[in-house]
Structure formats: structure tokens, C-alpha cells
Amino acid sequence: MPANTKKTEEQINDNTAACVTTIIECLTELKSEDIRHVENTSAQSLICDNMVIVSGRSTKHVASIADNLISYLKKKKIKVFGVEGLLAANWVLIDIGDVIVHVFHPESRKLYDLDSMWTG
């Protein structure tokens, strides 16, 4: 890759921060509950740099949040690399590269407790 097209770490971090902001704004519009952004500032995980964890009120709401977020990201030209759990809609994981979004049914969120796992 030519030197002038390489992204600096600062540019990548700026893009990731903008992506997280876009995601949180969309999730707020979709009436997601208990939105939490977890930034990986240590070697906790090699999976991603940022996680956004939210809840929906029901499996139907969880599926709707996930579907609408995916559509919104595609309109914004933000690549979605993978989606897991959409059919059952108890826990939907949306992989956006440096950001992973977890959309939970409240009971599943309590059961798996990612909030505590990643924030200590």
C-alpha cells in the first residue's frame, strides 16, 4: 500500500469513535434501553476495541433494533461483517470490525452479564 494511502492509528481511532457515536445515536432513536459503551483500553480482548451493549424490551424489540441498526449502518456505508442470533433474538451480536454491538433481551443480558465481565 502506498504510504500516502495508509491510515494512521489516530485516523483509525477517530473513525472508530465516529462509528461508536453513530451507533449510539441510532440505538437511542430506536428506543434501546440501558445503552452502555465499553472501550477496551487494555489487553482485555483481542476481539474488538469497543463494545456497545443495549437491551430491548422483548425479543421482537431486540430483532427490530438489530434489523434497523444494520440497515442504518449500511446506509451510512459502515461495513457489517457478521450478525449472530437474529432469529432467536435473545442476544444479537453485530460485528462492525473495531466495534461489536450486543443487543440483549433483558433476561439474557442479566444471565450473561457482559457489563460486569468487561468493566470489572
PDB file of N, CA and C in Angstrom:
ATOM      1  N   MET A   1       0.852  -1.173   0.000  1.00  0.00           N
ATOM      2  CA  MET A   1       0.000   0.000   0.000  1.00  0.00           C
ATOM      3  C   MET A   1       0.899   1.238   0.000  1.00  0.00           C
ATOM      4  N   PRO A   2       0.664   2.189  -0.896  1.00  0.00           N
ATOM      5  CA  PRO A   2       1.470   3.406  -0.916  1.00  0.00           C
ATOM      6  C   PRO A   2       1.351   4.156   0.404  1.00  0.00           C
ATOM      7  N   ALA A   3       2.443   4.802   0.790  1.00  0.00           N
ATOM      8  CA  ALA A   3       2.496   5.486   2.086  1.00  0.00           C
ATOM      9  C   ALA A   3       1.391   6.514   2.258  1.00  0.00           C
ATOM     10  N   ASN A   4       1.017   7.199   1.190  1.00  0.00           N
ATOM     11  CA  ASN A   4       0.016   8.255   1.318  1.00  0.00           C
ATOM     12  C   ASN A   4      -1.405   7.728   1.503  1.00  0.00           C
ATOM     13  N   THR A   5      -1.628   6.439   1.300  1.00  0.00           N
ATOM     14  CA  THR A   5      -2.967   5.880   1.495  1.00  0.00           C
ATOM     15  C   THR A   5      -3.091   5.112   2.810  1.00  0.00           C
ATOM     16  N   LYS A   6      -1.988   4.964   3.517  1.00  0.00           N
ATOM     17  CA  LYS A   6      -2.036   4.275   4.812  1.00  0.00           C
ATOM     18  C   LYS A   6      -2.729   5.149   5.838  1.00  0.00           C
ATOM     19  N   LYS A   7      -3.604   4.539   6.604  1.00  0.00           N
ATOM     20  CA  LYS A   7      -4.271   5.270   7.679  1.00  0.00           C
ATOM     21  C   LYS A   7      -3.401   5.218   8.926  1.00  0.00           C
ATOM     22  N   THR A   8      -3.288   6.344   9.570  1.00  0.00           N
ATOM     23  CA  THR A   8      -2.543   6.376  10.825  1.00  0.00           C
ATOM     24  C   THR A   8      -3.419   5.803  11.932  1.00  0.00           C
ATOM     25  N   GLU A   9      -2.789   5.438  13.025  1.00  0.00           N
ATOM     26  CA  GLU A   9      -3.546   4.917  14.167  1.00  0.00           C
ATOM     27  C   GLU A   9      -4.542   5.964  14.668  1.00  0.00           C
ATOM     28  N   GLU A  10      -4.148   7.230  14.615  1.00  0.00           N
ATOM     29  CA  GLU A  10      -5.037   8.310  15.052  1.00  0.00           C
ATOM     30  C   GLU A  10      -6.277   8.402  14.158  1.00  0.00           C
ATOM     31  N   GLN A  11      -6.090   8.252  12.838  1.00  0.00           N
ATOM     32  CA  GLN A  11      -7.234   8.284  11.918  1.00  0.00           C
ATOM     33  C   GLN A  11      -8.172   7.112  12.181  1.00  0.00           C
ATOM     34  N   ILE A  12      -7.605   5.947  12.423  1.00  0.00           N
ATOM     35  CA  ILE A  12      -8.420   4.763  12.707  1.00  0.00           C
ATOM     36  C   ILE A  12      -9.210   4.979  13.994  1.00  0.00           C
ATOM     37  N   ASN A  13      -8.557   5.513  15.024  1.00  0.00           N
ATOM     38  CA  ASN A  13      -9.246   5.782  16.292  1.00  0.00           C
ATOM     39  C   ASN A  13     -10.355   6.804  16.114  1.00  0.00           C
ATOM     40  N   ASP A  14     -10.104   7.846  15.297  1.00  0.00           N
ATOM     41  CA  ASP A  14     -11.131   8.853  15.019  1.00  0.00           C
ATOM     42  C   ASP A  14     -12.319   8.224  14.306  1.00  0.00           C
ATOM     43  N   ASN A  15     -12.038   7.345  13.331  1.00  0.00           N
ATOM     44  CA  ASN A  15     -13.117   6.663  12.604  1.00  0.00           C
ATOM     45  C   ASN A  15     -13.917   5.763  13.537  1.00  0.00           C
ATOM     46  N   THR A  16     -13.223   5.061  14.429  1.00  0.00           N
ATOM     47  CA  THR A  16     -13.901   4.180  15.375  1.00  0.00           C
ATOM     48  C   THR A  16     -14.778   4.987  16.323  1.00  0.00           C
ATOM     49  N   ALA A  17     -14.270   6.109  16.814  1.00  0.00           N
ATOM     50  CA  ALA A  17     -15.054   6.961  17.717  1.00  0.00           C
ATOM     51  C   ALA A  17     -16.293   7.493  17.009  1.00  0.00           C
ATOM     52  N   ALA A  18     -16.145   7.890  15.747  1.00  0.00           N
ATOM     53  CA  ALA A  18     -17.290   8.379  14.968  1.00  0.00           C
ATOM     54  C   ALA A  18     -18.300   7.262  14.752  1.00  0.00           C
ATOM     55  N   CYS A  19     -17.809   6.047  14.518  1.00  0.00           N
ATOM     56  CA  CYS A  19     -18.688   4.892  14.323  1.00  0.00           C
ATOM     57  C   CYS A  19     -19.474   4.608  15.606  1.00  0.00           C
ATOM     58  N   VAL A  20     -18.803   4.636  16.746  1.00  0.00           N
ATOM     59  CA  VAL A  20     -19.475   4.399  18.030  1.00  0.00           C
ATOM     60  C   VAL A  20     -20.549   5.457  18.259  1.00  0.00           C
ATOM     61  N   THR A  21     -20.231   6.710  17.969  1.00  0.00           N
ATOM     62  CA  THR A  21     -21.203   7.796  18.127  1.00  0.00           C
ATOM     63  C   THR A  21     -22.417   7.572  17.237  1.00  0.00           C
ATOM     64  N   THR A  22     -22.180   7.194  15.983  1.00  0.00           N
ATOM     65  CA  THR A  22     -23.268   6.910  15.043  1.00  0.00           C
ATOM     66  C   THR A  22     -24.147   5.779  15.558  1.00  0.00           C
ATOM     67  N   ILE A  23     -23.524   4.719  16.045  1.00  0.00           N
ATOM     68  CA  ILE A  23     -24.257   3.559  16.566  1.00  0.00           C
ATOM     69  C   ILE A  23     -25.123   3.965  17.761  1.00  0.00           C
ATOM     70  N   ILE A  24     -24.541   4.694  18.693  1.00  0.00           N
ATOM     71  CA  ILE A  24     -25.284   5.091  19.898  1.00  0.00           C
ATOM     72  C   ILE A  24     -26.442   6.017  19.543  1.00  0.00           C
ATOM     73  N   GLU A  25     -26.231   6.931  18.604  1.00  0.00           N
ATOM     74  CA  GLU A  25     -27.319   7.816  18.166  1.00  0.00           C
ATOM     75  C   GLU A  25     -28.467   7.006  17.571  1.00  0.00           C
ATOM     76  N   CYS A  26     -28.131   6.031  16.726  1.00  0.00           N
ATOM     77  CA  CYS A  26     -29.161   5.185  16.110  1.00  0.00           C
ATOM     78  C   CYS A  26     -29.888   4.367  17.174  1.00  0.00           C
ATOM     79  N   LEU A  27     -29.149   3.761  18.086  1.00  0.00           N
ATOM     80  CA  LEU A  27     -29.761   2.942  19.137  1.00  0.00           C
ATOM     81  C   LEU A  27     -30.675   3.767  20.032  1.00  0.00           C
ATOM     82  N   THR A  28     -30.319   5.013  20.259  1.00  0.00           N
ATOM     83  CA  THR A  28     -31.166   5.916  21.040  1.00  0.00           C
ATOM     84  C   THR A  28     -32.472   6.185  20.300  1.00  0.00           C
ATOM     85  N   GLU A  29     -32.367   6.445  19.003  1.00  0.00           N
ATOM     86  CA  GLU A  29     -33.561   6.676  18.171  1.00  0.00           C
ATOM     87  C   GLU A  29     -34.486   5.457  18.172  1.00  0.00           C
ATOM     88  N   LEU A  30     -33.886   4.269  18.237  1.00  0.00           N
ATOM     89  CA  LEU A  30     -34.660   3.023  18.195  1.00  0.00           C
ATOM     90  C   LEU A  30     -35.220   2.634  19.564  1.00  0.00           C
ATOM     91  N   LYS A  31     -35.090   3.519  20.536  1.00  0.00           N
ATOM     92  CA  LYS A  31     -35.623   3.306  21.888  1.00  0.00           C
ATOM     93  C   LYS A  31     -34.976   2.112  22.595  1.00  0.00           C
ATOM     94  N   SER A  32     -33.696   1.887  22.293  1.00  0.00           N
ATOM     95  CA  SER A  32     -32.946   0.865  23.024  1.00  0.00           C
ATOM     96  C   SER A  32     -32.816   1.307  24.471  1.00  0.00           C
ATOM     97  N   GLU A  33     -32.705   0.334  25.352  1.00  0.00           N
ATOM     98  CA  GLU A  33     -32.627   0.646  26.771  1.00  0.00           C
ATOM     99  C   GLU A  33     -31.245   0.325  27.322  1.00  0.00           C
ATOM    100  N   ASP A  34     -30.860   1.057  28.345  1.00  0.00           N
ATOM    101  CA  ASP A  34     -29.620   0.812  29.085  1.00  0.00           C
ATOM    102  C   ASP A  34     -28.416   0.682  28.141  1.00  0.00           C
ATOM    103  N   ILE A  35     -28.194   1.719  27.340  1.00  0.00           N
ATOM    104  CA  ILE A  35     -27.086   1.720  26.376  1.00  0.00           C
ATOM    105  C   ILE A  35     -25.776   1.917  27.130  1.00  0.00           C
ATOM    106  N   ARG A  36     -24.828   1.028  26.869  1.00  0.00           N
ATOM    107  CA  ARG A  36     -23.529   1.121  27.525  1.00  0.00           C
ATOM    108  C   ARG A  36     -22.419   0.929  26.494  1.00  0.00           C
ATOM    109  N   HIS A  37     -21.464   1.855  26.484  1.00  0.00           N
ATOM    110  CA  HIS A  37     -20.285   1.753  25.622  1.00  0.00           C
ATOM    111  C   HIS A  37     -19.114   1.295  26.480  1.00  0.00           C
ATOM    112  N   VAL A  38     -18.467   0.214  26.069  1.00  0.00           N
ATOM    113  CA  VAL A  38     -17.304  -0.302  26.780  1.00  0.00           C
ATOM    114  C   VAL A  38     -16.114  -0.192  25.838  1.00  0.00           C
ATOM    115  N   GLU A  39     -15.132   0.612  26.241  1.00  0.00           N
ATOM    116  CA  GLU A  39     -13.927   0.786  25.434  1.00  0.00           C
ATOM    117  C   GLU A  39     -12.834  -0.099  25.989  1.00  0.00           C
ATOM    118  N   ASN A  40     -12.210  -0.869  25.123  1.00  0.00           N
ATOM    119  CA  ASN A  40     -11.131  -1.757  25.529  1.00  0.00           C
ATOM    120  C   ASN A  40      -9.834  -0.954  25.539  1.00  0.00           C
ATOM    121  N   THR A  41      -9.412  -0.544  26.712  1.00  0.00           N
ATOM    122  CA  THR A  41      -8.199   0.264  26.824  1.00  0.00           C
ATOM    123  C   THR A  41      -7.001  -0.560  27.289  1.00  0.00           C
ATOM    124  N   SER A  42      -7.212  -1.849  27.455  1.00  0.00           N
ATOM    125  CA  SER A  42      -6.116  -2.719  27.883  1.00  0.00           C
ATOM    126  C   SER A  42      -6.078  -3.933  26.969  1.00  0.00           C
ATOM    127  N   ALA A  43      -5.370  -4.929  27.394  1.00  0.00           N
ATOM    128  CA  ALA A  43      -5.278  -6.158  26.610  1.00  0.00           C
ATOM    129  C   ALA A  43      -6.380  -7.142  26.997  1.00  0.00           C
ATOM    130  N   GLN A  44      -7.527  -6.624  27.475  1.00  0.00           N
ATOM    131  CA  GLN A  44      -8.643  -7.488  27.877  1.00  0.00           C
ATOM    132  C   GLN A  44      -9.069  -8.402  26.741  1.00  0.00           C
ATOM    133  N   SER A  45      -9.137  -7.835  25.557  1.00  0.00           N
ATOM    134  CA  SER A  45      -9.689  -8.584  24.439  1.00  0.00           C
ATOM    135  C   SER A  45      -8.972  -8.234  23.156  1.00  0.00           C
ATOM    136  N   LEU A  46      -8.690  -9.239  22.386  1.00  0.00           N
ATOM    137  CA  LEU A  46      -8.145  -9.020  21.052  1.00  0.00           C
ATOM    138  C   LEU A  46      -9.266  -9.039  20.021  1.00  0.00           C
ATOM    139  N   ILE A  47     -10.489  -9.238  20.482  1.00  0.00           N
ATOM    140  CA  ILE A  47     -11.638  -9.357  19.586  1.00  0.00           C
ATOM    141  C   ILE A  47     -12.026  -8.013  19.003  1.00  0.00           C
ATOM    142  N   CYS A  48     -12.090  -6.990  19.831  1.00  0.00           N
ATOM    143  CA  CYS A  48     -12.514  -5.671  19.356  1.00  0.00           C
ATOM    144  C   CYS A  48     -11.999  -4.592  20.295  1.00  0.00           C
ATOM    145  N   ASP A  49     -12.056  -3.354  19.822  1.00  0.00           N
ATOM    146  CA  ASP A  49     -11.630  -2.223  20.641  1.00  0.00           C
ATOM    147  C   ASP A  49     -12.785  -1.609  21.422  1.00  0.00           C
ATOM    148  N   ASN A  50     -13.995  -1.789  20.921  1.00  0.00           N
ATOM    149  CA  ASN A  50     -15.170  -1.173  21.536  1.00  0.00           C
ATOM    150  C   ASN A  50     -16.360  -2.118  21.477  1.00  0.00           C
ATOM    151  N   MET A  51     -17.160  -2.070  22.527  1.00  0.00           N
ATOM    152  CA  MET A  51     -18.425  -2.793  22.534  1.00  0.00           C
ATOM    153  C   MET A  51     -19.528  -1.828  22.921  1.00  0.00           C
ATOM    154  N   VAL A  52     -20.677  -2.025  22.316  1.00  0.00           N
ATOM    155  CA  VAL A  52     -21.865  -1.300  22.726  1.00  0.00           C
ATOM    156  C   VAL A  52     -22.871  -2.362  23.142  1.00  0.00           C
ATOM    157  N   ILE A  53     -23.372  -2.249  24.360  1.00  0.00           N
ATOM    158  CA  ILE A  53     -24.304  -3.231  24.912  1.00  0.00           C
ATOM    159  C   ILE A  53     -25.623  -2.516  25.185  1.00  0.00           C
ATOM    160  N   VAL A  54     -26.713  -3.078  24.655  1.00  0.00           N
ATOM    161  CA  VAL A  54     -28.037  -2.474  24.852  1.00  0.00           C
ATOM    162  C   VAL A  54     -29.068  -3.558  25.115  1.00  0.00           C
ATOM    163  N   SER A  55     -30.235  -3.125  25.568  1.00  0.00           N
ATOM    164  CA  SER A  55     -31.353  -4.047  25.778  1.00  0.00           C
ATOM    165  C   SER A  55     -32.559  -3.587  24.987  1.00  0.00           C
ATOM    166  N   GLY A  56     -33.358  -4.573  24.592  1.00  0.00           N
ATOM    167  CA  GLY A  56     -34.681  -4.325  24.042  1.00  0.00           C
ATOM    168  C   GLY A  56     -35.696  -4.849  25.041  1.00  0.00           C
ATOM    169  N   ARG A  57     -36.937  -4.440  24.899  1.00  0.00           N
ATOM    170  CA  ARG A  57     -37.961  -4.835  25.881  1.00  0.00           C
ATOM    171  C   ARG A  57     -38.488  -6.254  25.665  1.00  0.00           C
ATOM    172  N   SER A  58     -38.368  -6.764  24.456  1.00  0.00           N
ATOM    173  CA  SER A  58     -38.892  -8.092  24.114  1.00  0.00           C
ATOM    174  C   SER A  58     -38.045  -8.645  22.976  1.00  0.00           C
ATOM    175  N   THR A  59     -38.237  -9.918  22.641  1.00  0.00           N
ATOM    176  CA  THR A  59     -37.480 -10.475  21.517  1.00  0.00           C
ATOM    177  C   THR A  59     -37.830  -9.749  20.215  1.00  0.00           C
ATOM    178  N   LYS A  60     -39.080  -9.344  20.077  1.00  0.00           N
ATOM    179  CA  LYS A  60     -39.484  -8.591  18.883  1.00  0.00           C
ATOM    180  C   LYS A  60     -38.752  -7.247  18.828  1.00  0.00           C
ATOM    181  N   HIS A  61     -38.648  -6.579  19.962  1.00  0.00           N
ATOM    182  CA  HIS A  61     -37.939  -5.300  20.025  1.00  0.00           C
ATOM    183  C   HIS A  61     -36.446  -5.496  19.758  1.00  0.00           C
ATOM    184  N   VAL A  62     -35.856  -6.560  20.307  1.00  0.00           N
ATOM    185  CA  VAL A  62     -34.440  -6.870  20.077  1.00  0.00           C
ATOM    186  C   VAL A  62     -34.185  -7.064  18.583  1.00  0.00           C
ATOM    187  N   ALA A  63     -35.023  -7.867  17.927  1.00  0.00           N
ATOM    188  CA  ALA A  63     -34.868  -8.113  16.488  1.00  0.00           C
ATOM    189  C   ALA A  63     -35.038  -6.823  15.692  1.00  0.00           C
ATOM    190  N   SER A  64     -35.997  -6.010  16.080  1.00  0.00           N
ATOM    191  CA  SER A  64     -36.240  -4.740  15.397  1.00  0.00           C
ATOM    192  C   SER A  64     -35.048  -3.796  15.549  1.00  0.00           C
ATOM    193  N   ILE A  65     -34.506  -3.708  16.747  1.00  0.00           N
ATOM    194  CA  ILE A  65     -33.321  -2.870  16.978  1.00  0.00           C
ATOM    195  C   ILE A  65     -32.187  -3.331  16.073  1.00  0.00           C
ATOM    196  N   ALA A  66     -31.913  -4.630  16.077  1.00  0.00           N
ATOM    197  CA  ALA A  66     -30.812  -5.169  15.275  1.00  0.00           C
ATOM    198  C   ALA A  66     -31.033  -4.924  13.784  1.00  0.00           C
ATOM    199  N   ASP A  67     -32.213  -5.257  13.279  1.00  0.00           N
ATOM    200  CA  ASP A  67     -32.516  -5.055  11.855  1.00  0.00           C
ATOM    201  C   ASP A  67     -32.355  -3.600  11.442  1.00  0.00           C
ATOM    202  N   ASN A  68     -32.925  -2.710  12.234  1.00  0.00           N
ATOM    203  CA  ASN A  68     -32.873  -1.290  11.901  1.00  0.00           C
ATOM    204  C   ASN A  68     -31.463  -0.721  12.021  1.00  0.00           C
ATOM    205  N   LEU A  69     -30.701  -1.174  12.995  1.00  0.00           N
ATOM    206  CA  LEU A  69     -29.316  -0.723  13.123  1.00  0.00           C
ATOM    207  C   LEU A  69     -28.503  -1.171  11.911  1.00  0.00           C
ATOM    208  N   ILE A  70     -28.668  -2.419  11.505  1.00  0.00           N
ATOM    209  CA  ILE A  70     -27.939  -2.937  10.344  1.00  0.00           C
ATOM    210  C   ILE A  70     -28.279  -2.130   9.095  1.00  0.00           C
ATOM    211  N   SER A  71     -29.548  -1.868   8.876  1.00  0.00           N
ATOM    212  CA  SER A  71     -29.969  -1.064   7.715  1.00  0.00           C
ATOM    213  C   SER A  71     -29.366   0.335   7.771  1.00  0.00           C
ATOM    214  N   TYR A  72     -29.393   0.943   8.942  1.00  0.00           N
ATOM    215  CA  TYR A  72     -28.857   2.290   9.120  1.00  0.00           C
ATOM    216  C   TYR A  72     -27.352   2.324   8.832  1.00  0.00           C
ATOM    217  N   LEU A  73     -26.629   1.336   9.346  1.00  0.00           N
ATOM    218  CA  LEU A  73     -25.186   1.281   9.120  1.00  0.00           C
ATOM    219  C   LEU A  73     -24.871   1.123   7.640  1.00  0.00           C
ATOM    220  N   LYS A  74     -25.633   0.291   6.952  1.00  0.00           N
ATOM    221  CA  LYS A  74     -25.417   0.108   5.511  1.00  0.00           C
ATOM    222  C   LYS A  74     -25.657   1.409   4.756  1.00  0.00           C
ATOM    223  N   LYS A  75     -26.685   2.163   5.139  1.00  0.00           N
ATOM    224  CA  LYS A  75     -26.949   3.468   4.508  1.00  0.00           C
ATOM    225  C   LYS A  75     -25.797   4.434   4.740  1.00  0.00           C
ATOM    226  N   LYS A  76     -25.163   4.327   5.900  1.00  0.00           N
ATOM    227  CA  LYS A  76     -24.032   5.198   6.247  1.00  0.00           C
ATOM    228  C   LYS A  76     -22.708   4.660   5.695  1.00  0.00           C
ATOM    229  N   LYS A  77     -22.782   3.570   4.921  1.00  0.00           N
ATOM    230  CA  LYS A  77     -21.596   2.939   4.322  1.00  0.00           C
ATOM    231  C   LYS A  77     -20.629   2.387   5.377  1.00  0.00           C
ATOM    232  N   ILE A  78     -21.193   1.925   6.486  1.00  0.00           N
ATOM    233  CA  ILE A  78     -20.404   1.279   7.536  1.00  0.00           C
ATOM    234  C   ILE A  78     -20.577  -0.223   7.374  1.00  0.00           C
ATOM    235  N   LYS A  79     -19.469  -0.925   7.186  1.00  0.00           N
ATOM    236  CA  LYS A  79     -19.495  -2.353   6.886  1.00  0.00           C
ATOM    237  C   LYS A  79     -19.894  -3.176   8.111  1.00  0.00           C
ATOM    238  N   VAL A  80     -20.861  -4.054   7.902  1.00  0.00           N
ATOM    239  CA  VAL A  80     -21.266  -5.033   8.915  1.00  0.00           C
ATOM    240  C   VAL A  80     -20.656  -6.367   8.492  1.00  0.00           C
ATOM    241  N   PHE A  81     -19.772  -6.910   9.318  1.00  0.00           N
ATOM    242  CA  PHE A  81     -19.052  -8.129   8.969  1.00  0.00           C
ATOM    243  C   PHE A  81     -19.823  -9.398   9.305  1.00  0.00           C
ATOM    244  N   GLY A  82     -20.705  -9.328  10.284  1.00  0.00           N
ATOM    245  CA  GLY A  82     -21.457 -10.515  10.653  1.00  0.00           C
ATOM    246  C   GLY A  82     -22.536 -10.207  11.668  1.00  0.00           C
ATOM    247  N   VAL A  83     -23.544 -11.081  11.667  1.00  0.00           N
ATOM    248  CA  VAL A  83     -24.662 -10.961  12.603  1.00  0.00           C
ATOM    249  C   VAL A  83     -24.974 -12.362  13.109  1.00  0.00           C
ATOM    250  N   GLU A  84     -25.105 -12.500  14.409  1.00  0.00           N
ATOM    251  CA  GLU A  84     -25.445 -13.789  15.022  1.00  0.00           C
ATOM    252  C   GLU A  84     -26.634 -13.607  15.953  1.00  0.00           C
ATOM    253  N   GLY A  85     -27.531 -14.593  15.967  1.00  0.00           N
ATOM    254  CA  GLY A  85     -28.609 -14.636  16.944  1.00  0.00           C
ATOM    255  C   GLY A  85     -29.883 -13.906  16.572  1.00  0.00           C
ATOM    256  N   LEU A  86     -29.996 -13.454  15.333  1.00  0.00           N
ATOM    257  CA  LEU A  86     -31.147 -12.644  14.944  1.00  0.00           C
ATOM    258  C   LEU A  86     -32.458 -13.426  14.986  1.00  0.00           C
ATOM    259  N   LEU A  87     -32.439 -14.703  14.653  1.00  0.00           N
ATOM    260  CA  LEU A  87     -33.687 -15.476  14.636  1.00  0.00           C
ATOM    261  C   LEU A  87     -34.276 -15.661  16.030  1.00  0.00           C
ATOM    262  N   ALA A  88     -33.455 -16.036  16.995  1.00  0.00           N
ATOM    263  CA  ALA A  88     -33.960 -16.232  18.360  1.00  0.00           C
ATOM    264  C   ALA A  88     -34.190 -14.894  19.058  1.00  0.00           C
ATOM    265  N   ALA A  89     -33.344 -13.928  18.752  1.00  0.00           N
ATOM    266  CA  ALA A  89     -33.454 -12.551  19.256  1.00  0.00           C
ATOM    267  C   ALA A  89     -33.439 -12.436  20.785  1.00  0.00           C
ATOM    268  N   ASN A  90     -32.716 -13.340  21.432  1.00  0.00           N
ATOM    269  CA  ASN A  90     -32.461 -13.183  22.867  1.00  0.00           C
ATOM    270  C   ASN A  90     -31.165 -12.408  23.079  1.00  0.00           C
ATOM    271  N   TRP A  91     -30.208 -12.643  22.163  1.00  0.00           N
ATOM    272  CA  TRP A  91     -28.923 -11.950  22.170  1.00  0.00           C
ATOM    273  C   TRP A  91     -28.475 -11.880  20.722  1.00  0.00           C
ATOM    274  N   VAL A  92     -28.431 -10.683  20.181  1.00  0.00           N
ATOM    275  CA  VAL A  92     -27.971 -10.484  18.805  1.00  0.00           C
ATOM    276  C   VAL A  92     -26.620  -9.788  18.863  1.00  0.00           C
ATOM    277  N   LEU A  93     -25.635 -10.377  18.196  1.00  0.00           N
ATOM    278  CA  LEU A  93     -24.301  -9.812  18.111  1.00  0.00           C
ATOM    279  C   LEU A  93     -24.108  -9.276  16.700  1.00  0.00           C
ATOM    280  N   ILE A  94     -23.697  -8.020  16.596  1.00  0.00           N
ATOM    281  CA  ILE A  94     -23.448  -7.389  15.303  1.00  0.00           C
ATOM    282  C   ILE A  94     -21.978  -6.979  15.275  1.00  0.00           C
ATOM    283  N   ASP A  95     -21.214  -7.585  14.354  1.00  0.00           N
ATOM    284  CA  ASP A  95     -19.778  -7.340  14.234  1.00  0.00           C
ATOM    285  C   ASP A  95     -19.537  -6.242  13.206  1.00  0.00           C
ATOM    286  N   ILE A  96     -18.960  -5.131  13.669  1.00  0.00           N
ATOM    287  CA  ILE A  96     -18.684  -3.998  12.796  1.00  0.00           C
ATOM    288  C   ILE A  96     -17.172  -3.747  12.781  1.00  0.00           C
ATOM    289  N   GLY A  97     -16.400  -4.791  12.979  1.00  0.00           N
ATOM    290  CA  GLY A  97     -14.947  -4.647  12.958  1.00  0.00           C
ATOM    291  C   GLY A  97     -14.407  -4.233  14.312  1.00  0.00           C
ATOM    292  N   ASP A  98     -14.036  -2.961  14.443  1.00  0.00           N
ATOM    293  CA  ASP A  98     -13.495  -2.462  15.708  1.00  0.00           C
ATOM    294  C   ASP A  98     -14.567  -2.269  16.770  1.00  0.00           C
ATOM    295  N   VAL A  99     -15.823  -2.429  16.383  1.00  0.00           N
ATOM    296  CA  VAL A  99     -16.945  -2.275  17.312  1.00  0.00           C
ATOM    297  C   VAL A  99     -17.841  -3.509  17.206  1.00  0.00           C
ATOM    298  N   ILE A 100     -18.223  -4.056  18.347  1.00  0.00           N
ATOM    299  CA  ILE A 100     -19.207  -5.135  18.373  1.00  0.00           C
ATOM    300  C   ILE A 100     -20.399  -4.641  19.175  1.00  0.00           C
ATOM    301  N   VAL A 101     -21.584  -4.799  18.604  1.00  0.00           N
ATOM    302  CA  VAL A 101     -22.816  -4.386  19.278  1.00  0.00           C
ATOM    303  C   VAL A 101     -23.528  -5.637  19.772  1.00  0.00           C
ATOM    304  N   HIS A 102     -23.904  -5.627  21.043  1.00  0.00           N
ATOM    305  CA  HIS A 102     -24.671  -6.709  21.649  1.00  0.00           C
ATOM    306  C   HIS A 102     -26.056  -6.162  21.968  1.00  0.00           C
ATOM    307  N   VAL A 103     -27.082  -6.754  21.368  1.00  0.00           N
ATOM    308  CA  VAL A 103     -28.464  -6.351  21.645  1.00  0.00           C
ATOM    309  C   VAL A 103     -29.111  -7.503  22.409  1.00  0.00           C
ATOM    310  N   PHE A 104     -29.484  -7.248  23.647  1.00  0.00           N
ATOM    311  CA  PHE A 104     -29.973  -8.295  24.538  1.00  0.00           C
ATOM    312  C   PHE A 104     -31.444  -8.136  24.888  1.00  0.00           C
ATOM    313  N   HIS A 105     -32.101  -9.274  25.081  1.00  0.00           N
ATOM    314  CA  HIS A 105     -33.354  -9.329  25.825  1.00  0.00           C
ATOM    315  C   HIS A 105     -32.928  -9.141  27.287  1.00  0.00           C
ATOM    316  N   PRO A 106     -33.703  -8.435  28.119  1.00  0.00           N
ATOM    317  CA  PRO A 106     -33.269  -8.162  29.498  1.00  0.00           C
ATOM    318  C   PRO A 106     -32.843  -9.401  30.295  1.00  0.00           C
ATOM    319  N   GLU A 107     -33.560 -10.510  30.151  1.00  0.00           N
ATOM    320  CA  GLU A 107     -33.203 -11.723  30.903  1.00  0.00           C
ATOM    321  C   GLU A 107     -31.853 -12.279  30.451  1.00  0.00           C
ATOM    322  N   SER A 108     -31.599 -12.241  29.143  1.00  0.00           N
ATOM    323  CA  SER A 108     -30.313 -12.727  28.622  1.00  0.00           C
ATOM    324  C   SER A 108     -29.177 -11.814  29.052  1.00  0.00           C
ATOM    325  N   ARG A 109     -29.440 -10.520  29.058  1.00  0.00           N
ATOM    326  CA  ARG A 109     -28.395  -9.579  29.488  1.00  0.00           C
ATOM    327  C   ARG A 109     -28.003  -9.839  30.934  1.00  0.00           C
ATOM    328  N   LYS A 110     -28.993 -10.091  31.765  1.00  0.00           N
ATOM    329  CA  LYS A 110     -28.729 -10.386  33.177  1.00  0.00           C
ATOM    330  C   LYS A 110     -27.973 -11.712  33.315  1.00  0.00           C
ATOM    331  N   LEU A 111     -28.374 -12.717  32.537  1.00  0.00           N
ATOM    332  CA  LEU A 111     -27.756 -14.039  32.603  1.00  0.00           C
ATOM    333  C   LEU A 111     -26.274 -13.994  32.208  1.00  0.00           C
ATOM    334  N   TYR A 112     -25.968 -13.379  31.071  1.00  0.00           N
ATOM    335  CA  TYR A 112     -24.593 -13.373  30.560  1.00  0.00           C
ATOM    336  C   TYR A 112     -23.733 -12.275  31.189  1.00  0.00           C
ATOM    337  N   ASP A 113     -24.340 -11.215  31.643  1.00  0.00           N
ATOM    338  CA  ASP A 113     -23.686 -10.147  32.400  1.00  0.00           C
ATOM    339  C   ASP A 113     -22.367  -9.669  31.780  1.00  0.00           C
ATOM    340  N   LEU A 114     -22.412  -9.361  30.487  1.00  0.00           N
ATOM    341  CA  LEU A 114     -21.217  -8.832  29.823  1.00  0.00           C
ATOM    342  C   LEU A 114     -20.788  -7.499  30.417  1.00  0.00           C
ATOM    343  N   ASP A 115     -21.754  -6.741  30.909  1.00  0.00           N
ATOM    344  CA  ASP A 115     -21.437  -5.439  31.507  1.00  0.00           C
ATOM    345  C   ASP A 115     -20.368  -5.598  32.590  1.00  0.00           C
ATOM    346  N   SER A 116     -20.580  -6.520  33.508  1.00  0.00           N
ATOM    347  CA  SER A 116     -19.619  -6.743  34.600  1.00  0.00           C
ATOM    348  C   SER A 116     -18.340  -7.392  34.102  1.00  0.00           C
ATOM    349  N   MET A 117     -18.481  -8.305  33.159  1.00  0.00           N
ATOM    350  CA  MET A 117     -17.324  -9.028  32.643  1.00  0.00           C
ATOM    351  C   MET A 117     -16.298  -8.069  32.029  1.00  0.00           C
ATOM    352  N   TRP A 118     -16.778  -7.052  31.315  1.00  0.00           N
ATOM    353  CA  TRP A 118     -15.867  -6.172  30.589  1.00  0.00           C
ATOM    354  C   TRP A 118     -15.553  -4.877  31.312  1.00  0.00           C
ATOM    355  N   THR A 119     -16.248  -4.598  32.406  1.00  0.00           N
ATOM    356  CA  THR A 119     -15.947  -3.352  33.117  1.00  0.00           C
ATOM    357  C   THR A 119     -15.356  -3.607  34.498  1.00  0.00           C
ATOM    358  N   GLY A 120     -15.242  -4.865  34.859  1.00  0.00           N
ATOM    359  CA  GLY A 120     -14.577  -5.198  36.114  1.00  0.00           C
ATOM    360  C   GLY A 120     -15.425  -5.302  37.296  1.00  0.00           C
TER     361      GLY A 120
END
